[in-house]
Protein backbone atom coordinates (compact mmCIF):
# COMPACT_ATOMS: atom_id res chain seq x y z
CA MET A 1 0.00 0.01 0.00
CA PRO A 2 1.45 3.44 -0.92
CA HIS A 3 1.99 5.33 2.32
CA ASN A 4 0.13 8.52 3.25
CA THR A 5 -2.89 7.67 1.07
CA VAL A 6 -5.25 6.90 4.01
CA ALA A 7 -5.93 8.99 7.12
CA VAL A 8 -7.71 8.78 10.47
CA VAL A 9 -10.33 11.56 10.57
CA GLY A 10 -12.37 10.45 13.57
CA ALA A 11 -11.10 9.19 16.91
CA ALA A 12 -12.73 8.95 20.35
CA GLU A 13 -13.03 6.72 23.39
CA THR A 14 -16.11 5.98 25.40
CA THR A 15 -17.67 8.91 27.25
CA ARG A 16 -16.59 7.40 30.54
CA MET A 17 -13.68 5.10 31.30
CA GLY A 18 -12.99 2.72 34.15
CA VAL A 19 -16.14 1.28 35.75
CA ILE A 20 -19.29 1.66 33.61
CA PRO A 21 -21.89 -0.83 34.94
CA GLU A 22 -24.79 0.88 33.11
CA LEU A 23 -23.50 -0.05 29.61
CA SER A 24 -23.24 -3.51 28.08
CA GLN A 25 -20.39 -4.53 25.83
CA ILE A 26 -22.23 -3.60 22.63
CA GLY A 27 -23.36 -0.39 24.31
CA LEU A 28 -19.72 0.53 24.86
CA HIS A 29 -18.99 -0.14 21.17
CA ALA A 30 -21.88 2.13 20.22
CA ASP A 31 -20.88 4.89 22.66
CA ALA A 32 -17.37 4.95 21.23
CA ALA A 33 -18.66 4.82 17.64
CA ILE A 34 -21.05 7.71 18.18
CA ASN A 35 -18.29 9.77 19.81
CA ALA A 36 -15.93 9.11 16.89
CA MET A 37 -18.58 10.04 14.35
CA ALA A 38 -19.35 13.24 16.28
CA ASP A 39 -15.61 13.99 16.35
CA CYS A 40 -15.51 14.28 12.58
CA GLY A 41 -19.09 15.28 11.78
CA LEU A 42 -20.40 11.99 10.36
CA LYS A 43 -23.61 9.99 10.76
CA PRO A 44 -24.08 6.19 10.48
CA LYS A 45 -25.38 6.62 6.92
CA ASP A 46 -21.95 8.02 5.95
CA ILE A 47 -20.14 4.80 6.99
CA ASP A 48 -19.70 2.08 4.38
CA GLY A 49 -17.11 -0.12 6.09
CA ILE A 50 -17.01 -1.60 9.57
CA ALA A 51 -14.47 -3.64 11.56
CA THR A 52 -14.56 -4.88 15.13
CA ALA A 53 -13.50 -7.60 17.57
CA GLY A 54 -15.33 -8.89 20.62
CA GLU A 55 -18.64 -8.20 18.94
CA THR A 56 -19.13 -9.32 15.34
CA PRO A 57 -19.29 -6.69 12.60
CA VAL A 58 -22.72 -8.04 11.68
CA GLN A 59 -24.17 -7.34 15.13
CA LEU A 60 -22.51 -3.96 15.31
CA ALA A 61 -23.63 -2.89 11.83
CA HIS A 62 -27.23 -3.80 12.73
CA TYR A 63 -27.01 -2.08 16.10
CA LEU A 64 -25.72 1.15 14.55
CA GLY A 65 -27.93 1.10 11.47
CA ILE A 66 -25.03 0.75 9.02
CA THR A 67 -25.20 -1.18 5.74
CA PRO A 68 -21.54 -1.74 4.84
CA THR A 69 -19.87 -2.74 1.59
CA TRP A 70 -16.87 -4.05 3.53
CA VAL A 71 -16.65 -5.88 6.89
CA ASP A 72 -13.77 -7.26 8.97
CA GLY A 73 -14.21 -9.41 12.05
CA THR A 74 -10.55 -10.32 12.59
CA SER A 75 -10.26 -11.23 16.25
CA VAL A 76 -6.76 -12.20 17.44
CA GLY A 77 -6.73 -10.53 20.86
CA GLY A 78 -5.56 -7.09 21.82
CA CYS A 79 -3.83 -6.19 18.57
CA SER A 80 -6.96 -6.92 16.49
CA PHE A 81 -7.52 -3.16 16.10
CA MET A 82 -4.06 -2.51 14.67
CA ILE A 83 -4.78 -5.23 12.12
CA HIS A 84 -8.18 -3.69 11.44
CA VAL A 85 -6.44 -0.39 10.64
CA ARG A 86 -4.13 -2.21 8.21
CA HIS A 87 -6.98 -4.00 6.49
CA ALA A 88 -9.12 -0.84 6.41
CA ALA A 89 -6.30 1.12 4.79
CA ALA A 90 -5.92 -1.53 2.13
CA ALA A 91 -9.70 -1.59 1.54
CA ILE A 92 -9.84 2.19 1.08
CA GLU A 93 -6.81 2.15 -1.19
CA SER A 94 -8.38 -0.56 -3.35
CA GLY A 95 -11.81 1.12 -3.48
CA LEU A 96 -13.77 -1.45 -1.44
CA ALA A 97 -15.03 1.26 0.93
CA LYS A 98 -14.69 5.00 1.38
CA THR A 99 -15.31 5.59 5.08
CA ILE A 100 -14.51 2.81 7.58
CA LEU A 101 -15.43 2.62 11.26
CA ILE A 102 -13.33 0.49 13.64
CA THR A 103 -14.79 -0.04 17.12
CA HIS A 104 -13.86 -1.53 20.43
CA GLY A 105 -15.87 -1.99 23.61
CA GLU A 106 -15.45 -4.26 26.63
CA SER A 107 -17.16 -4.54 29.95
CA GLY A 108 -14.00 -6.07 31.34
CA LYS A 109 -14.66 -5.01 34.94
CA SER A 110 -18.46 -5.01 35.20
CA ARG A 111 -18.91 -8.00 32.83
CA VAL A 112 -22.20 -6.68 31.38
CA GLY A 113 -23.03 -8.39 28.14
CA ASN A 114 -19.56 -9.87 27.72
CA PRO A 115 -19.25 -13.46 26.53
CA PRO A 116 -17.88 -15.88 29.16
CA ARG A 117 -14.09 -16.34 29.23
CA SER A 118 -13.32 -19.95 28.52
CA VAL A 119 -10.86 -22.24 26.73
CA HIS A 120 -12.52 -24.87 24.60
CA PRO A 121 -11.25 -28.31 25.65
CA GLN A 122 -10.76 -29.36 21.99
CA SER A 123 -8.63 -26.31 21.12
CA LEU A 124 -4.85 -26.57 21.07
CA ASN A 125 -4.69 -24.63 24.34
CA GLY A 126 -7.39 -26.81 25.84
CA GLN A 127 -5.54 -30.00 24.96
CA PHE A 128 -1.91 -29.09 25.53
CA GLU A 129 -1.74 -26.22 28.07
CA GLN A 130 -4.88 -26.02 30.24
CA PRO A 131 -4.47 -29.59 31.68
CA PHE A 132 -1.25 -28.38 33.32
CA GLY A 133 -3.02 -25.68 35.32
CA PRO A 134 -2.29 -22.20 33.93
CA MET A 135 -4.73 -19.59 35.18
CA GLY A 136 -4.90 -17.14 32.33
CA PRO A 137 -2.38 -14.52 31.18
CA PRO A 138 -0.70 -13.78 34.55
CA SER A 139 0.54 -17.37 34.82
CA MET A 140 1.08 -18.00 31.09
CA PHE A 141 3.16 -14.89 30.41
CA THR A 142 5.57 -15.97 33.13
CA ILE A 143 6.90 -18.74 30.84
CA PRO A 144 8.71 -16.48 28.39
CA VAL A 145 9.64 -13.70 30.83
CA LEU A 146 11.47 -16.08 33.16
CA ARG A 147 13.62 -17.28 30.29
CA TYR A 148 14.18 -13.68 29.15
CA MET A 149 15.32 -12.64 32.66
CA LYS A 150 17.69 -15.59 32.96
CA THR A 151 19.18 -15.13 29.49
CA TYR A 152 19.85 -11.39 29.77
CA GLY A 153 20.31 -10.99 33.52
CA VAL A 154 17.24 -8.79 33.84
CA THR A 155 15.99 -8.33 37.41
CA ALA A 156 12.54 -7.92 38.91
CA GLU A 157 13.65 -4.44 39.95
CA GLN A 158 14.23 -3.49 36.32
CA ILE A 159 10.86 -4.84 35.23
CA ALA A 160 9.27 -2.85 38.07
CA GLN A 161 10.82 0.29 36.54
CA VAL A 162 8.50 -0.11 33.54
CA ALA A 163 5.46 0.32 35.82
CA VAL A 164 7.10 3.22 37.68
CA VAL A 165 7.86 5.20 34.53
CA GLN A 166 4.43 4.58 32.99
CA ARG A 167 2.77 5.80 36.16
CA GLU A 168 4.66 9.08 35.65
CA TRP A 169 3.00 9.42 32.27
CA ALA A 170 -0.40 8.48 33.75
CA SER A 171 -0.04 11.17 36.43
CA LYS A 172 -0.29 13.73 33.56
CA ASN A 173 -3.47 12.16 32.15
CA PRO A 174 -6.79 13.18 33.75
CA ARG A 175 -8.53 10.10 32.27
CA ALA A 176 -6.02 7.58 33.63
CA THR A 177 -7.35 5.04 36.13
CA PHE A 178 -4.27 5.31 38.42
CA ARG A 179 -2.45 8.65 38.68
CA ASN A 180 -0.56 8.54 41.98
CA LEU A 181 3.19 8.21 41.51
CA ILE A 182 4.77 4.94 42.61
CA THR A 183 8.29 3.73 43.42
CA THR A 184 10.16 0.58 42.60
CA ASP A 185 9.62 -0.54 46.20
CA ASP A 186 5.87 0.02 45.81
CA VAL A 187 5.85 -2.34 42.83
CA LEU A 188 8.01 -4.98 44.48
CA ASN A 189 5.99 -4.87 47.68
CA SER A 190 2.65 -5.19 45.92
CA ARG A 191 0.84 -8.50 46.10
CA MET A 192 2.46 -11.45 44.32
CA ILE A 193 0.30 -12.69 41.43
CA ALA A 194 2.51 -15.23 39.62
CA TYR A 195 6.28 -15.00 39.88
CA PRO A 196 7.85 -12.67 38.84
CA PHE A 197 4.67 -10.60 38.39
CA ARG A 198 3.55 -8.47 41.27
CA LEU A 199 0.16 -6.76 41.17
CA LEU A 200 1.57 -3.46 39.87
CA MET A 201 3.31 -5.27 37.02
CA CYS A 202 -0.09 -6.49 35.74
CA CYS A 203 -2.65 -4.67 33.61
CA LEU A 204 -5.77 -3.02 34.94
CA VAL A 205 -9.23 -4.57 34.61
CA THR A 206 -11.64 -1.90 33.40
CA ASP A 207 -14.67 -1.07 31.26
CA GLY A 208 -14.38 1.11 28.18
CA GLY A 209 -13.79 1.30 24.49
CA GLY A 210 -12.82 3.43 21.52
CA ALA A 211 -13.37 3.93 17.83
CA LEU A 212 -11.53 5.20 14.75
CA ILE A 213 -12.81 6.42 11.39
CA LEU A 214 -10.60 6.13 8.31
CA THR A 215 -10.92 7.59 4.83
CA SER A 216 -8.66 8.53 1.92
CA ALA A 217 -6.05 11.21 2.47
CA GLU A 218 -7.66 13.20 -0.33
CA ARG A 219 -11.08 13.18 1.34
CA ALA A 220 -9.54 13.82 4.76
CA LYS A 221 -8.89 17.44 3.82
CA ASP A 222 -12.64 18.10 3.88
CA PHE A 223 -13.10 17.03 7.51
CA PRO A 224 -13.06 19.42 10.49
CA THR A 225 -10.46 17.32 12.35
CA LYS A 226 -6.71 17.31 11.78
CA PRO A 227 -5.95 14.24 9.62
CA VAL A 228 -3.52 11.64 10.93
CA TYR A 229 -1.94 9.76 8.02
CA ILE A 230 -1.02 6.10 7.93
CA LEU A 231 2.58 5.73 6.87
CA GLY A 232 3.12 1.99 7.30
CA THR A 233 1.43 -1.14 8.61
CA GLY A 234 2.39 -4.72 9.50
CA GLU A 235 0.81 -7.85 10.94
CA SER A 236 1.76 -11.40 11.81
CA ALA A 237 1.00 -14.41 14.01
CA GLU A 238 3.12 -17.11 15.62
CA THR A 239 1.31 -19.62 17.87
CA PRO A 240 -1.83 -19.78 20.01
CA MET A 241 0.21 -21.57 22.70
CA VAL A 242 2.81 -19.59 24.60
CA SER A 243 4.59 -22.87 25.37
CA GLN A 244 5.30 -23.33 21.66
CA MET A 245 7.07 -20.01 20.96
CA GLU A 246 10.10 -20.36 18.75
CA ASP A 247 12.19 -18.32 21.22
CA PHE A 248 10.95 -17.34 24.67
CA THR A 249 13.12 -14.20 24.60
CA SER A 250 11.67 -12.82 21.40
CA SER A 251 8.38 -12.72 19.47
CA ARG A 252 8.51 -13.95 15.90
CA ALA A 253 5.26 -12.08 15.18
CA PHE A 254 6.80 -8.86 16.51
CA ARG A 255 9.84 -9.38 14.29
CA VAL A 256 7.62 -9.62 11.20
CA ALA A 257 4.95 -6.99 11.90
CA GLY A 258 7.31 -4.26 13.06
CA PRO A 259 9.89 -4.35 10.25
CA THR A 260 7.09 -4.71 7.67
CA ALA A 261 5.55 -1.45 8.87
CA PHE A 262 8.91 0.34 8.94
CA LYS A 263 9.74 -0.78 5.42
CA GLU A 264 6.40 0.34 4.10
CA ALA A 265 6.69 3.70 5.86
CA GLY A 266 10.21 4.23 4.55
CA ILE A 267 11.50 5.46 7.91
CA THR A 268 14.30 4.57 10.33
CA HIS A 269 14.11 4.26 14.09
CA LYS A 270 15.72 7.69 14.44
CA ASP A 271 12.70 9.21 12.72
CA VAL A 272 10.31 8.04 15.47
CA ASP A 273 9.17 10.77 17.89
CA HIS A 274 6.64 8.78 19.87
CA LEU A 275 6.11 5.09 20.62
CA MET A 276 3.22 3.00 21.97
CA ILE A 277 3.95 -0.64 22.88
CA TYR A 278 1.13 -2.82 24.23
CA ASP A 279 1.79 -3.39 27.92
CA ALA A 280 -0.64 -5.87 29.37
CA PHE A 281 2.26 -6.84 31.62
CA ALA A 282 5.42 -4.92 32.43
CA HIS A 283 7.75 -7.12 30.38
CA LEU A 284 6.06 -6.44 27.05
CA PRO A 285 7.67 -3.06 26.34
CA LEU A 286 11.08 -4.79 26.73
CA TYR A 287 10.24 -7.29 23.99
CA GLY A 288 8.76 -4.54 21.80
CA LEU A 289 11.75 -2.23 22.02
CA GLU A 290 14.11 -5.05 21.07
CA ASP A 291 12.04 -6.99 18.50
CA LEU A 292 11.12 -3.78 16.64
CA GLY A 293 14.81 -2.94 16.41
CA PHE A 294 15.04 0.09 18.67
CA LEU A 295 17.58 -1.66 20.90
CA PRO A 296 19.88 -4.70 20.82
CA LYS A 297 18.67 -7.79 22.63
CA GLY A 298 18.88 -7.57 26.41
CA GLU A 299 19.28 -3.77 26.57
CA ALA A 300 15.68 -2.58 26.91
CA ALA A 301 15.49 -2.95 30.68
CA SER A 302 18.49 -0.73 31.35
CA PHE A 303 17.26 1.70 28.66
CA ILE A 304 13.94 2.19 30.51
CA ALA A 305 15.65 2.24 33.90
CA GLY A 306 17.84 5.04 32.51
CA ARG A 307 14.68 7.14 32.02
CA ASN A 308 15.03 7.24 28.26
CA THR A 309 11.28 6.47 27.85
CA ALA A 310 10.16 8.70 30.75
CA PRO A 311 8.88 12.26 30.49
CA GLY A 312 11.75 14.29 29.04
CA GLY A 313 13.47 11.16 27.68
CA SER A 314 14.75 10.56 24.15
CA LEU A 315 12.01 8.06 23.20
CA PRO A 316 8.64 8.82 24.86
CA LEU A 317 6.87 5.49 25.39
CA ASN A 318 3.27 4.73 26.43
CA THR A 319 2.51 8.35 27.13
CA ASN A 320 -1.10 7.71 28.19
CA GLY A 321 0.06 5.54 31.10
CA GLY A 322 -0.45 2.27 29.22
CA GLY A 323 -2.38 -0.80 30.19
CA LEU A 324 -0.66 -0.74 33.56
CA SER A 325 -2.06 2.65 34.64
CA TYR A 326 -4.38 4.13 32.01
CA MET A 327 -6.90 1.54 30.80
CA HIS A 328 -7.09 -2.16 30.06
CA SER A 329 -10.53 -3.61 29.47
CA GLY A 330 -9.13 -6.90 28.06
CA MET A 331 -8.01 -5.97 24.55
CA TYR A 332 -5.83 -2.87 24.92
CA GLY A 333 -4.84 -2.12 21.33
CA MET A 334 -7.52 0.47 20.66
CA TYR A 335 -6.36 2.65 23.58
CA ALA A 336 -2.78 2.63 22.26
CA LEU A 337 -4.03 3.67 18.81
CA GLN A 338 -6.08 6.47 20.38
CA GLU A 339 -3.00 7.87 22.12
CA SER A 340 -0.94 7.76 18.92
CA VAL A 341 -3.70 9.71 17.15
CA ARG A 342 -3.90 12.25 19.99
CA GLN A 343 -0.16 12.79 19.85
CA MET A 344 -0.24 13.29 16.10
CA ARG A 345 -3.15 15.71 16.45
CA GLY A 346 -1.22 17.62 19.12
CA ILE A 347 -3.95 17.22 21.77
CA ALA A 348 -2.59 14.54 24.11
CA PRO A 349 -2.61 15.29 27.85
CA ALA A 350 1.16 14.65 27.91
CA GLN A 351 1.86 16.05 24.46
CA ILE A 352 5.31 15.46 22.96
CA PRO A 353 6.47 18.78 21.41
CA ASN A 354 6.84 18.75 17.61
CA ALA A 355 6.07 15.00 17.33
CA LYS A 356 5.64 14.07 13.66
CA ILE A 357 5.82 10.25 13.63
CA SER A 358 4.25 7.77 16.07
CA VAL A 359 4.70 4.00 16.06
CA CYS A 360 1.89 1.96 17.64
CA HIS A 361 2.65 -1.70 18.26
CA GLY A 362 0.30 -4.38 19.63
CA VAL A 363 0.25 -7.99 20.78
CA GLY A 364 -2.61 -10.47 20.77
CA GLY A 365 -2.83 -13.37 23.19
CA MET A 366 0.41 -14.57 24.76
CA PHE A 367 2.64 -13.38 21.87
CA ALA A 368 0.18 -15.13 19.52
CA ALA A 369 -0.28 -12.24 17.07
CA SER A 370 1.01 -8.77 16.42
CA GLY A 371 0.13 -5.59 14.56
CA THR A 372 2.10 -2.38 13.94
CA ILE A 373 0.81 0.94 12.66
CA ILE A 374 2.99 3.96 11.91
CA PHE A 375 1.22 7.35 11.94
CA SER A 376 2.25 10.81 10.76
CA ASN A 377 0.68 14.25 10.90
CA GLN A 378 2.55 15.41 7.79
CA ALA A 379 0.34 15.73 4.71
CA PRO A 380 1.33 13.72 1.62
């Protein structure tokens, strides 16, 4: 796909964030969608493409009164929305749709209208991992991180620094769930969940959602909002079972999605002003920094501990506070995309001065899938 030919013209999250017991899952999708349409002055009749995960695009199209010419129900976990952006950009470029809505909504905390969380016994996970007793992501993500720590000599104190730095960013964000500053000792003294993860190394559990609206760069000039152009995109998948990763210290899906997006965008790492890396748990930014090529293997922990990603640092990372402090309703990717768009629009609570390029990188499952989107606010 030629870069800069598609732009985000509408972007919004749900009216409220955190605990929203009065809205069901599909209601959160609709709230975010309505807010995104209001953001750029559109109505449901103006939308001809729809993509979503959690809900099906069929249910959502019916609920919103949209009759699309293009639908995408790709659902591979938290990075589904990055992949939706990639697919939507390709659809617009090829003429399959003109104006595409991507939505997310989850009642992760209140559990209103959410499908039950379960692993089918006949699935690969059900046959080859669940019988051995893992209890969801906190215990399954420990498998790769323990190998990573042993291989590169990374300590729990260094992983705790990820949460500390991201709380600094969250303290600047009025919509963040947790805003009080924390110390490394606070993280290490928080409740043990599954070694090495302490409570403050784990993502939040919240309600919320968000939505994006994409159209061609040419049409974007006619909208009231500042267009955010899509420079490059990438996607990949590795394995549904964390136990079957090719290398516990690196994600093969990350190493495909990230470089694909960089190549398409025609940029180098030095061109990046702002970075979002999915952080359901505190180790994920370490993998992202290294697998995307920002740092050599084993150096990300000391890089973050050296405050390079903190406010005032050389590479601002997860400036909304991330899944650790801002929001995490179950699939976090949409919130990362929203922050990249805000930064490129120049309206983020913790705005990076003169930021022109933002990289937004997501993970789905336990390193199962990945999506990368590179944004710019520079017109083609």
